[in-house]
Amino acid sequence: LLAAVVALVTVAAAVPARTVPVPGGIAELTTVRSG
């Protein structure tokens, strides 16, 4: 059961974030470097 929990947690953590597209515009999740 604990192994199943580990598997579920791993799968859940692997799901990426996303943002709904804006037709003709910009919709993006990105990063910016500071130092």
PDB file of all heavy atoms in Angstrom:
ATOM      1  N   LEU A   1       0.833  -1.213   0.000  1.00  0.00           N
ATOM      2  CA  LEU A   1       0.000   0.000   0.000  1.00  0.00           C
ATOM      3  C   LEU A   1       0.862   1.255   0.000  1.00  0.00           C
ATOM      4  O   LEU A   1       0.554   2.231  -0.705  1.00  0.00           O
ATOM      5  CB  LEU A   1      -0.933  -0.006   1.217  1.00  0.00           C
ATOM      6  CG  LEU A   1      -2.050  -1.052   1.206  1.00  0.00           C
ATOM      7  CD1 LEU A   1      -2.801  -1.041   2.536  1.00  0.00           C
ATOM      8  CD2 LEU A   1      -3.024  -0.773   0.052  1.00  0.00           C
ATOM      9  N   LEU A   2       1.942   1.223   0.797  1.00  0.00           N
ATOM     10  CA  LEU A   2       2.847   2.371   0.809  1.00  0.00           C
ATOM     11  C   LEU A   2       3.509   2.567  -0.550  1.00  0.00           C
ATOM     12  O   LEU A   2       3.705   3.706  -1.002  1.00  0.00           O
ATOM     13  CB  LEU A   2       3.911   2.187   1.890  1.00  0.00           C
ATOM     14  CG  LEU A   2       3.416   2.223   3.340  1.00  0.00           C
ATOM     15  CD1 LEU A   2       4.573   1.965   4.298  1.00  0.00           C
ATOM     16  CD2 LEU A   2       2.768   3.562   3.648  1.00  0.00           C
ATOM     17  N   ALA A   3       3.848   1.479  -1.212  1.00  0.00           N
ATOM     18  CA  ALA A   3       4.429   1.569  -2.555  1.00  0.00           C
ATOM     19  C   ALA A   3       3.432   2.184  -3.527  1.00  0.00           C
ATOM     20  O   ALA A   3       3.809   2.983  -4.407  1.00  0.00           O
ATOM     21  CB  ALA A   3       4.861   0.189  -3.035  1.00  0.00           C
ATOM     22  N   ALA A   4       2.152   1.827  -3.368  1.00  0.00           N
ATOM     23  CA  ALA A   4       1.120   2.409  -4.223  1.00  0.00           C
ATOM     24  C   ALA A   4       1.003   3.912  -3.975  1.00  0.00           C
ATOM     25  O   ALA A   4       0.827   4.697  -4.921  1.00  0.00           O
ATOM     26  CB  ALA A   4      -0.223   1.720  -3.958  1.00  0.00           C
ATOM     27  N   VAL A   5       1.110   4.310  -2.696  1.00  0.00           N
ATOM     28  CA  VAL A   5       1.076   5.741  -2.376  1.00  0.00           C
ATOM     29  C   VAL A   5       2.245   6.465  -3.038  1.00  0.00           C
ATOM     30  O   VAL A   5       2.085   7.547  -3.619  1.00  0.00           O
ATOM     31  CB  VAL A   5       1.105   5.957  -0.847  1.00  0.00           C
ATOM     32  CG1 VAL A   5       1.297   7.432  -0.516  1.00  0.00           C
ATOM     33  CG2 VAL A   5      -0.176   5.441  -0.211  1.00  0.00           C
ATOM     34  N   VAL A   6       3.432   5.873  -2.964  1.00  0.00           N
ATOM     35  CA  VAL A   6       4.609   6.473  -3.597  1.00  0.00           C
ATOM     36  C   VAL A   6       4.381   6.631  -5.098  1.00  0.00           C
ATOM     37  O   VAL A   6       4.698   7.687  -5.681  1.00  0.00           O
ATOM     38  CB  VAL A   6       5.868   5.621  -3.337  1.00  0.00           C
ATOM     39  CG1 VAL A   6       7.042   6.102  -4.195  1.00  0.00           C
ATOM     40  CG2 VAL A   6       6.245   5.673  -1.864  1.00  0.00           C
ATOM     41  N   ALA A   7       3.823   5.610  -5.723  1.00  0.00           N
ATOM     42  CA  ALA A   7       3.555   5.677  -7.164  1.00  0.00           C
ATOM     43  C   ALA A   7       2.564   6.781  -7.495  1.00  0.00           C
ATOM     44  O   ALA A   7       2.763   7.557  -8.443  1.00  0.00           O
ATOM     45  CB  ALA A   7       3.041   4.327  -7.659  1.00  0.00           C
ATOM     46  N   LEU A   8       1.495   6.872  -6.708  1.00  0.00           N
ATOM     47  CA  LEU A   8       0.480   7.907  -6.961  1.00  0.00           C
ATOM     48  C   LEU A   8       1.042   9.305  -6.761  1.00  0.00           C
ATOM     49  O   LEU A   8       0.782  10.214  -7.555  1.00  0.00           O
ATOM     50  CB  LEU A   8      -0.724   7.682  -6.031  1.00  0.00           C
ATOM     51  CG  LEU A   8      -1.607   6.469  -6.345  1.00  0.00           C
ATOM     52  CD1 LEU A   8      -2.648   6.272  -5.242  1.00  0.00           C
ATOM     53  CD2 LEU A   8      -2.297   6.654  -7.693  1.00  0.00           C
ATOM     54  N   VAL A   9       1.819   9.474  -5.700  1.00  0.00           N
ATOM     55  CA  VAL A   9       2.421  10.776  -5.424  1.00  0.00           C
ATOM     56  C   VAL A   9       3.374  11.179  -6.550  1.00  0.00           C
ATOM     57  O   VAL A   9       3.396  12.336  -6.985  1.00  0.00           O
ATOM     58  CB  VAL A   9       3.166  10.746  -4.073  1.00  0.00           C
ATOM     59  CG1 VAL A   9       4.072  11.970  -3.918  1.00  0.00           C
ATOM     60  CG2 VAL A   9       2.174  10.690  -2.926  1.00  0.00           C
ATOM     61  N   THR A  10       4.141  10.213  -7.036  1.00  0.00           N
ATOM     62  CA  THR A  10       5.086  10.500  -8.113  1.00  0.00           C
ATOM     63  C   THR A  10       4.363  10.916  -9.376  1.00  0.00           C
ATOM     64  O   THR A  10       4.747  11.892 -10.045  1.00  0.00           O
ATOM     65  CB  THR A  10       5.963   9.270  -8.393  1.00  0.00           C
ATOM     66  OG1 THR A  10       6.583   8.834  -7.188  1.00  0.00           O
ATOM     67  CG2 THR A  10       7.031   9.592  -9.418  1.00  0.00           C
ATOM     68  N   VAL A  11       3.316  10.202  -9.723  1.00  0.00           N
ATOM     69  CA  VAL A  11       2.538  10.542 -10.918  1.00  0.00           C
ATOM     70  C   VAL A  11       1.898  11.914 -10.764  1.00  0.00           C
ATOM     71  O   VAL A  11       1.930  12.746 -11.681  1.00  0.00           O
ATOM     72  CB  VAL A  11       1.464   9.471 -11.185  1.00  0.00           C
ATOM     73  CG1 VAL A  11       0.516   9.927 -12.282  1.00  0.00           C
ATOM     74  CG2 VAL A  11       2.122   8.145 -11.562  1.00  0.00           C
ATOM     75  N   ALA A  12       1.305  12.172  -9.585  1.00  0.00           N
ATOM     76  CA  ALA A  12       0.658  13.461  -9.349  1.00  0.00           C
ATOM     77  C   ALA A  12       1.653  14.609  -9.424  1.00  0.00           C
ATOM     78  O   ALA A  12       1.359  15.681  -9.975  1.00  0.00           O
ATOM     79  CB  ALA A  12      -0.041  13.453  -7.993  1.00  0.00           C
ATOM     80  N   ALA A  13       2.842  14.384  -8.868  1.00  0.00           N
ATOM     81  CA  ALA A  13       3.864  15.437  -8.867  1.00  0.00           C
ATOM     82  C   ALA A  13       4.421  15.690 -10.261  1.00  0.00           C
ATOM     83  O   ALA A  13       4.957  16.770 -10.532  1.00  0.00           O
ATOM     84  CB  ALA A  13       4.997  15.069  -7.922  1.00  0.00           C
ATOM     85  N   ALA A  14       4.309  14.701 -11.145  1.00  0.00           N
ATOM     86  CA  ALA A  14       4.858  14.838 -12.492  1.00  0.00           C
ATOM     87  C   ALA A  14       3.940  15.604 -13.426  1.00  0.00           C
ATOM     88  O   ALA A  14       4.360  16.019 -14.522  1.00  0.00           O
ATOM     89  CB  ALA A  14       5.149  13.455 -13.079  1.00  0.00           C
ATOM     90  N   VAL A  15       2.678  15.816 -13.029  1.00  0.00           N
ATOM     91  CA  VAL A  15       1.735  16.531 -13.898  1.00  0.00           C
ATOM     92  C   VAL A  15       2.150  18.000 -13.981  1.00  0.00           C
ATOM     93  O   VAL A  15       2.219  18.682 -12.963  1.00  0.00           O
ATOM     94  CB  VAL A  15       0.291  16.423 -13.353  1.00  0.00           C
ATOM     95  CG1 VAL A  15      -0.654  17.253 -14.207  1.00  0.00           C
ATOM     96  CG2 VAL A  15      -0.149  14.968 -13.322  1.00  0.00           C
ATOM     97  N   PRO A  16       2.433  18.499 -15.176  1.00  0.00           N
ATOM     98  CA  PRO A  16       2.936  19.880 -15.291  1.00  0.00           C
ATOM     99  C   PRO A  16       1.829  20.910 -15.141  1.00  0.00           C
ATOM    100  O   PRO A  16       0.647  20.616 -15.330  1.00  0.00           O
ATOM    101  CB  PRO A  16       3.520  19.909 -16.708  1.00  0.00           C
ATOM    102  CG  PRO A  16       2.687  18.915 -17.466  1.00  0.00           C
ATOM    103  CD  PRO A  16       2.361  17.823 -16.482  1.00  0.00           C
ATOM    104  N   ALA A  17       2.224  22.116 -14.799  1.00  0.00           N
ATOM    105  CA  ALA A  17       1.282  23.233 -14.774  1.00  0.00           C
ATOM    106  C   ALA A  17       1.033  23.702 -16.210  1.00  0.00           C
ATOM    107  O   ALA A  17       1.852  23.487 -17.107  1.00  0.00           O
ATOM    108  CB  ALA A  17       1.848  24.376 -13.943  1.00  0.00           C
ATOM    109  N   ARG A  18      -0.087  24.346 -16.420  1.00  0.00           N
ATOM    110  CA  ARG A  18      -0.412  24.886 -17.749  1.00  0.00           C
ATOM    111  C   ARG A  18      -1.332  26.081 -17.568  1.00  0.00           C
ATOM    112  O   ARG A  18      -1.985  26.236 -16.537  1.00  0.00           O
ATOM    113  CB  ARG A  18      -1.097  23.830 -18.617  1.00  0.00           C
ATOM    114  CG  ARG A  18      -2.399  23.327 -18.029  1.00  0.00           C
ATOM    115  CD  ARG A  18      -3.045  22.252 -18.878  1.00  0.00           C
ATOM    116  NE  ARG A  18      -4.280  21.759 -18.268  1.00  0.00           N
ATOM    117  CZ  ARG A  18      -5.457  22.356 -18.348  1.00  0.00           C
ATOM    118  NH1 ARG A  18      -5.558  23.494 -19.036  1.00  0.00           N
ATOM    119  NH2 ARG A  18      -6.525  21.862 -17.753  1.00  0.00           N
ATOM    120  N   THR A  19      -1.364  26.910 -18.561  1.00  0.00           N
ATOM    121  CA  THR A  19      -2.297  28.034 -18.548  1.00  0.00           C
ATOM    122  C   THR A  19      -3.067  28.052 -19.854  1.00  0.00           C
ATOM    123  O   THR A  19      -2.515  27.730 -20.923  1.00  0.00           O
ATOM    124  CB  THR A  19      -1.566  29.369 -18.311  1.00  0.00           C
ATOM    125  OG1 THR A  19      -2.517  30.397 -18.049  1.00  0.00           O
ATOM    126  CG2 THR A  19      -0.678  29.755 -19.473  1.00  0.00           C
ATOM    127  N   VAL A  20      -4.324  28.366 -19.779  1.00  0.00           N
ATOM    128  CA  VAL A  20      -5.213  28.309 -20.940  1.00  0.00           C
ATOM    129  C   VAL A  20      -4.727  29.287 -22.003  1.00  0.00           C
ATOM    130  O   VAL A  20      -4.428  30.454 -21.696  1.00  0.00           O
ATOM    131  CB  VAL A  20      -6.659  28.656 -20.528  1.00  0.00           C
ATOM    132  CG1 VAL A  20      -7.581  28.630 -21.740  1.00  0.00           C
ATOM    133  CG2 VAL A  20      -7.150  27.685 -19.463  1.00  0.00           C
ATOM    134  N   PRO A  21      -4.635  28.862 -23.276  1.00  0.00           N
ATOM    135  CA  PRO A  21      -4.174  29.763 -24.344  1.00  0.00           C
ATOM    136  C   PRO A  21      -5.094  30.969 -24.511  1.00  0.00           C
ATOM    137  O   PRO A  21      -6.293  30.905 -24.258  1.00  0.00           O
ATOM    138  CB  PRO A  21      -4.198  28.867 -25.587  1.00  0.00           C
ATOM    139  CG  PRO A  21      -4.162  27.472 -25.071  1.00  0.00           C
ATOM    140  CD  PRO A  21      -4.885  27.493 -23.761  1.00  0.00           C
ATOM    141  N   VAL A  22      -4.513  32.069 -24.939  1.00  0.00           N
ATOM    142  CA  VAL A  22      -5.266  33.265 -25.304  1.00  0.00           C
ATOM    143  C   VAL A  22      -5.163  33.410 -26.819  1.00  0.00           C
ATOM    144  O   VAL A  22      -4.077  33.698 -27.329  1.00  0.00           O
ATOM    145  CB  VAL A  22      -4.704  34.519 -24.611  1.00  0.00           C
ATOM    146  CG1 VAL A  22      -5.468  35.765 -25.062  1.00  0.00           C
ATOM    147  CG2 VAL A  22      -4.769  34.376 -23.094  1.00  0.00           C
ATOM    148  N   PRO A  23      -6.246  33.188 -27.554  1.00  0.00           N
ATOM    149  CA  PRO A  23      -6.175  33.247 -29.024  1.00  0.00           C
ATOM    150  C   PRO A  23      -5.595  34.570 -29.516  1.00  0.00           C
ATOM    151  O   PRO A  23      -6.075  35.648 -29.156  1.00  0.00           O
ATOM    152  CB  PRO A  23      -7.648  33.105 -29.441  1.00  0.00           C
ATOM    153  CG  PRO A  23      -8.291  32.373 -28.308  1.00  0.00           C
ATOM    154  CD  PRO A  23      -7.595  32.871 -27.066  1.00  0.00           C
ATOM    155  N   GLY A  24      -4.529  34.475 -30.288  1.00  0.00           N
ATOM    156  CA  GLY A  24      -3.910  35.663 -30.849  1.00  0.00           C
ATOM    157  C   GLY A  24      -3.048  36.440 -29.877  1.00  0.00           C
ATOM    158  O   GLY A  24      -2.410  37.426 -30.260  1.00  0.00           O
ATOM    159  N   GLY A  25      -3.028  36.021 -28.624  1.00  0.00           N
ATOM    160  CA  GLY A  25      -2.270  36.758 -27.612  1.00  0.00           C
ATOM    161  C   GLY A  25      -1.151  35.924 -27.030  1.00  0.00           C
ATOM    162  O   GLY A  25      -0.552  35.081 -27.708  1.00  0.00           O
ATOM    163  N   ILE A  26      -0.899  36.114 -25.759  1.00  0.00           N
ATOM    164  CA  ILE A  26       0.165  35.398 -25.070  1.00  0.00           C
ATOM    165  C   ILE A  26      -0.382  34.762 -23.799  1.00  0.00           C
ATOM    166  O   ILE A  26      -1.160  35.374 -23.065  1.00  0.00           O
ATOM    167  CB  ILE A  26       1.344  36.340 -24.736  1.00  0.00           C
ATOM    168  CG1 ILE A  26       2.491  35.562 -24.090  1.00  0.00           C
ATOM    169  CG2 ILE A  26       0.894  37.498 -23.847  1.00  0.00           C
ATOM    170  CD1 ILE A  26       3.759  36.386 -23.943  1.00  0.00           C
ATOM    171  N   ALA A  27      -0.009  33.522 -23.560  1.00  0.00           N
ATOM    172  CA  ALA A  27      -0.377  32.798 -22.345  1.00  0.00           C
ATOM    173  C   ALA A  27       0.778  31.851 -22.036  1.00  0.00           C
ATOM    174  O   ALA A  27       0.952  30.842 -22.719  1.00  0.00           O
ATOM    175  CB  ALA A  27      -1.673  32.032 -22.529  1.00  0.00           C
ATOM    176  N   GLU A  28       1.538  32.160 -21.027  1.00  0.00           N
ATOM    177  CA  GLU A  28       2.810  31.462 -20.837  1.00  0.00           C
ATOM    178  C   GLU A  28       3.199  31.398 -19.371  1.00  0.00           C
ATOM    179  O   GLU A  28       3.030  32.374 -18.632  1.00  0.00           O
ATOM    180  CB  GLU A  28       3.875  32.242 -21.622  1.00  0.00           C
ATOM    181  CG  GLU A  28       5.195  31.566 -21.786  1.00  0.00           C
ATOM    182  CD  GLU A  28       6.107  32.405 -22.663  1.00  0.00           C
ATOM    183  OE1 GLU A  28       5.742  32.692 -23.830  1.00  0.00           O
ATOM    184  OE2 GLU A  28       7.179  32.815 -22.156  1.00  0.00           O
ATOM    185  N   LEU A  29       3.710  30.256 -18.964  1.00  0.00           N
ATOM    186  CA  LEU A  29       4.344  30.108 -17.656  1.00  0.00           C
ATOM    187  C   LEU A  29       5.840  29.993 -17.911  1.00  0.00           C
ATOM    188  O   LEU A  29       6.293  29.052 -18.569  1.00  0.00           O
ATOM    189  CB  LEU A  29       3.828  28.856 -16.946  1.00  0.00           C
ATOM    190  CG  LEU A  29       2.339  28.831 -16.598  1.00  0.00           C
ATOM    191  CD1 LEU A  29       1.945  27.471 -16.028  1.00  0.00           C
ATOM    192  CD2 LEU A  29       1.984  29.947 -15.625  1.00  0.00           C
ATOM    193  N   THR A  30       6.602  30.932 -17.406  1.00  0.00           N
ATOM    194  CA  THR A  30       8.017  30.975 -17.734  1.00  0.00           C
ATOM    195  C   THR A  30       8.820  31.306 -16.475  1.00  0.00           C
ATOM    196  O   THR A  30       8.274  31.387 -15.380  1.00  0.00           O
ATOM    197  CB  THR A  30       8.288  32.019 -18.844  1.00  0.00           C
ATOM    198  OG1 THR A  30       9.646  31.971 -19.236  1.00  0.00           O
ATOM    199  CG2 THR A  30       7.929  33.419 -18.381  1.00  0.00           C
ATOM    200  N   THR A  31      10.113  31.475 -16.645  1.00  0.00           N
ATOM    201  CA  THR A  31      10.980  31.869 -15.532  1.00  0.00           C
ATOM    202  C   THR A  31      11.872  33.020 -15.985  1.00  0.00           C
ATOM    203  O   THR A  31      12.150  33.193 -17.180  1.00  0.00           O
ATOM    204  CB  THR A  31      11.859  30.707 -15.047  1.00  0.00           C
ATOM    205  OG1 THR A  31      12.673  30.229 -16.129  1.00  0.00           O
ATOM    206  CG2 THR A  31      11.008  29.573 -14.509  1.00  0.00           C
ATOM    207  N   VAL A  32      12.320  33.784 -15.009  1.00  0.00           N
ATOM    208  CA  VAL A  32      13.237  34.896 -15.243  1.00  0.00           C
ATOM    209  C   VAL A  32      14.399  34.748 -14.276  1.00  0.00           C
ATOM    210  O   VAL A  32      14.193  34.457 -13.098  1.00  0.00           O
ATOM    211  CB  VAL A  32      12.540  36.257 -15.028  1.00  0.00           C
ATOM    212  CG1 VAL A  32      13.537  37.401 -15.183  1.00  0.00           C
ATOM    213  CG2 VAL A  32      11.384  36.428 -15.997  1.00  0.00           C
ATOM    214  N   ARG A  33      15.587  34.983 -14.767  1.00  0.00           N
ATOM    215  CA  ARG A  33      16.763  34.844 -13.917  1.00  0.00           C
ATOM    216  C   ARG A  33      17.060  36.160 -13.213  1.00  0.00           C
ATOM    217  O   ARG A  33      17.082  37.227 -13.831  1.00  0.00           O
ATOM    218  CB  ARG A  33      17.970  34.412 -14.747  1.00  0.00           C
ATOM    219  CG  ARG A  33      19.138  33.932 -13.883  1.00  0.00           C
ATOM    220  CD  ARG A  33      20.081  33.053 -14.681  1.00  0.00           C
ATOM    221  NE  ARG A  33      21.044  32.390 -13.805  1.00  0.00           N
ATOM    222  CZ  ARG A  33      20.808  31.262 -13.163  1.00  0.00           C
ATOM    223  NH1 ARG A  33      19.641  30.666 -13.299  1.00  0.00           N
ATOM    224  NH2 ARG A  33      21.728  30.720 -12.387  1.00  0.00           N
ATOM    225  N   SER A  34      17.287  36.068 -11.903  1.00  0.00           N
ATOM    226  CA  SER A  34      17.720  37.213 -11.106  1.00  0.00           C
ATOM    227  C   SER A  34      18.950  36.770 -10.327  1.00  0.00           C
ATOM    228  O   SER A  34      18.851  35.992  -9.376  1.00  0.00           O
ATOM    229  CB  SER A  34      16.617  37.646 -10.135  1.00  0.00           C
ATOM    230  OG  SER A  34      17.072  38.688  -9.280  1.00  0.00           O
ATOM    231  N   GLY A  35      20.105  37.225 -10.758  1.00  0.00           N
ATOM    232  CA  GLY A  35      21.351  36.745 -10.165  1.00  0.00           C
ATOM    233  C   GLY A  35      21.505  35.263 -10.431  1.00  0.00           C
ATOM    234  O   GLY A  35      21.464  34.815 -11.578  1.00  0.00           O
TER     235      GLY A  35
END
